[in-house]
C-alpha cells in the first residue's frame, strides 16, 4: 500500500515520530501523491484527533 521511503537516512522510528508530534505546536506533512500532485495535511489537527482517541 505504501511506497518505501527514498532517503533512508531521513527515516525515523515510531517513538521518535511521536516525540516530534508531541513537542511541536504545529506542522504540516506535505508529500507528492501517486499522480505527482502535492498533498498536505496539517499535523496539529491529526494530533488533536489522536489525543481524543486515547494516549499515543
N, C-alpha and C. Protein backbone atom coordinates (compact mmCIF):
# COMPACT_ATOMS: atom_id res chain seq x y z
N UNK A 1 0.81 -1.19 0.00
CA UNK A 1 0.00 0.00 0.00
C UNK A 1 0.86 1.26 0.00
N UNK A 2 1.85 1.31 0.88
CA UNK A 2 2.72 2.49 0.96
C UNK A 2 4.01 2.25 0.20
N UNK A 3 4.49 3.30 -0.43
CA UNK A 3 5.79 3.20 -1.10
C UNK A 3 6.90 3.27 -0.07
N UNK A 4 8.05 2.68 -0.39
CA UNK A 4 9.20 2.76 0.51
C UNK A 4 9.80 4.15 0.48
N UNK A 5 10.36 4.56 1.60
CA UNK A 5 10.99 5.87 1.69
C UNK A 5 12.22 5.88 0.78
N UNK A 6 12.39 6.98 0.05
CA UNK A 6 13.51 7.07 -0.89
C UNK A 6 14.82 7.35 -0.18
N UNK A 7 14.81 8.23 0.79
CA UNK A 7 16.03 8.60 1.51
C UNK A 7 16.01 7.95 2.89
N UNK A 8 16.57 6.77 2.98
CA UNK A 8 16.55 6.00 4.23
C UNK A 8 17.17 6.77 5.39
N UNK A 9 18.13 7.66 5.11
CA UNK A 9 18.77 8.41 6.20
C UNK A 9 17.80 9.39 6.86
N UNK A 10 16.68 9.73 6.19
CA UNK A 10 15.69 10.63 6.75
C UNK A 10 14.58 9.90 7.51
N UNK A 11 14.61 8.58 7.48
CA UNK A 11 13.56 7.79 8.13
C UNK A 11 13.74 7.84 9.65
N UNK A 12 12.61 7.99 10.38
CA UNK A 12 12.65 7.95 11.84
C UNK A 12 11.71 6.84 12.32
N UNK A 13 11.97 6.36 13.53
CA UNK A 13 11.13 5.29 14.07
C UNK A 13 9.85 5.87 14.68
N UNK A 14 8.93 5.01 15.07
CA UNK A 14 7.63 5.43 15.60
C UNK A 14 7.78 6.25 16.88
N UNK A 15 8.66 5.84 17.77
CA UNK A 15 8.85 6.56 19.03
C UNK A 15 9.34 7.99 18.77
N UNK A 16 10.26 8.16 17.84
CA UNK A 16 10.77 9.48 17.51
C UNK A 16 9.67 10.33 16.85
N UNK A 17 8.85 9.71 16.02
CA UNK A 17 7.75 10.43 15.38
C UNK A 17 6.76 10.94 16.42
N UNK A 18 6.43 10.10 17.41
CA UNK A 18 5.51 10.52 18.47
C UNK A 18 6.10 11.66 19.28
N UNK A 19 7.38 11.57 19.60
CA UNK A 19 8.05 12.62 20.35
C UNK A 19 8.04 13.93 19.57
N UNK A 20 8.29 13.86 18.29
CA UNK A 20 8.27 15.03 17.43
C UNK A 20 6.89 15.67 17.40
N UNK A 21 5.85 14.87 17.27
CA UNK A 21 4.48 15.38 17.25
C UNK A 21 4.09 16.02 18.57
N UNK A 22 4.48 15.39 19.68
CA UNK A 22 4.11 15.89 20.99
C UNK A 22 4.87 17.16 21.37
N UNK A 23 6.06 17.35 20.85
CA UNK A 23 6.87 18.51 21.23
C UNK A 23 6.70 19.71 20.30
N UNK A 24 5.96 19.56 19.23
CA UNK A 24 5.75 20.65 18.27
C UNK A 24 4.37 21.25 18.43
N UNK A 25 4.26 22.57 18.28
CA UNK A 25 2.96 23.21 18.39
C UNK A 25 2.14 23.04 17.12
N UNK A 26 2.80 23.05 15.98
CA UNK A 26 2.08 22.89 14.71
C UNK A 26 3.04 22.39 13.65
N UNK A 27 2.46 21.89 12.58
CA UNK A 27 3.28 21.40 11.49
C UNK A 27 2.42 20.95 10.34
N UNK A 28 3.04 20.74 9.21
CA UNK A 28 2.36 20.28 8.01
C UNK A 28 3.17 19.16 7.38
N UNK A 29 2.51 18.07 7.08
CA UNK A 29 3.14 16.97 6.36
C UNK A 29 2.77 17.12 4.90
N UNK A 30 3.75 17.33 4.05
CA UNK A 30 3.49 17.51 2.62
C UNK A 30 4.20 16.41 1.83
N UNK A 31 3.47 15.80 0.91
CA UNK A 31 4.01 14.72 0.09
C UNK A 31 3.52 14.87 -1.33
N UNK A 32 4.12 14.11 -2.24
CA UNK A 32 3.62 14.01 -3.60
C UNK A 32 2.72 12.78 -3.68
N UNK A 33 1.53 12.96 -4.20
CA UNK A 33 0.61 11.84 -4.37
C UNK A 33 1.07 10.91 -5.47
N UNK A 34 0.31 9.85 -5.69
CA UNK A 34 0.68 8.86 -6.70
C UNK A 34 0.76 9.47 -8.10
N UNK A 35 -0.06 10.45 -8.36
CA UNK A 35 -0.06 11.07 -9.69
C UNK A 35 0.85 12.31 -9.75
N UNK A 36 1.66 12.53 -8.69
CA UNK A 36 2.57 13.67 -8.67
C UNK A 36 1.96 14.94 -8.14
N UNK A 37 0.68 14.90 -7.77
CA UNK A 37 0.00 16.09 -7.26
C UNK A 37 0.38 16.29 -5.79
N UNK A 38 0.78 17.50 -5.39
CA UNK A 38 1.16 17.72 -3.99
C UNK A 38 -0.04 17.60 -3.05
N UNK A 39 0.21 17.07 -1.87
CA UNK A 39 -0.84 16.83 -0.89
C UNK A 39 -0.28 17.21 0.48
N UNK A 40 -0.99 18.03 1.24
CA UNK A 40 -0.51 18.49 2.54
C UNK A 40 -1.58 18.27 3.61
N UNK A 41 -1.15 17.84 4.79
CA UNK A 41 -2.04 17.58 5.92
C UNK A 41 -1.53 18.36 7.12
N UNK A 42 -2.39 19.19 7.77
CA UNK A 42 -1.95 19.86 9.00
C UNK A 42 -1.81 18.84 10.13
N UNK A 43 -0.62 18.66 10.62
CA UNK A 43 -0.33 17.63 11.62
C UNK A 43 -0.94 17.97 12.98
N UNK A 44 -1.03 19.25 13.34
CA UNK A 44 -1.57 19.59 14.65
C UNK A 44 -3.02 19.11 14.77
N UNK A 45 -3.79 19.13 13.70
CA UNK A 45 -5.17 18.65 13.73
C UNK A 45 -5.20 17.13 13.89
N UNK A 46 -4.32 16.44 13.21
CA UNK A 46 -4.25 14.98 13.33
C UNK A 46 -3.90 14.59 14.76
N UNK A 47 -2.97 15.32 15.37
CA UNK A 47 -2.57 15.02 16.74
C UNK A 47 -3.73 15.24 17.70
N UNK A 48 -4.53 16.28 17.50
CA UNK A 48 -5.70 16.52 18.34
C UNK A 48 -6.67 15.35 18.26
N UNK A 49 -6.90 14.84 17.08
CA UNK A 49 -7.80 13.70 16.89
C UNK A 49 -7.25 12.46 17.58
N UNK A 50 -5.95 12.20 17.44
CA UNK A 50 -5.34 11.05 18.08
C UNK A 50 -5.42 11.14 19.59
N UNK A 51 -5.24 12.33 20.15
CA UNK A 51 -5.32 12.50 21.60
C UNK A 51 -6.74 12.24 22.10
N UNK A 52 -7.75 12.57 21.31
CA UNK A 52 -9.13 12.31 21.71
C UNK A 52 -9.41 10.82 21.75
N UNK A 53 -8.74 10.05 20.90
CA UNK A 53 -8.95 8.61 20.83
C UNK A 53 -8.26 7.87 21.99
N UNK A 54 -7.25 8.47 22.57
CA UNK A 54 -6.55 7.83 23.69
C UNK A 54 -5.08 8.21 23.68
N UNK A 55 -4.32 7.69 24.65
CA UNK A 55 -2.90 8.04 24.73
C UNK A 55 -2.12 7.56 23.52
N UNK A 56 -1.11 8.34 23.14
CA UNK A 56 -0.28 7.97 22.00
C UNK A 56 0.68 6.87 22.37
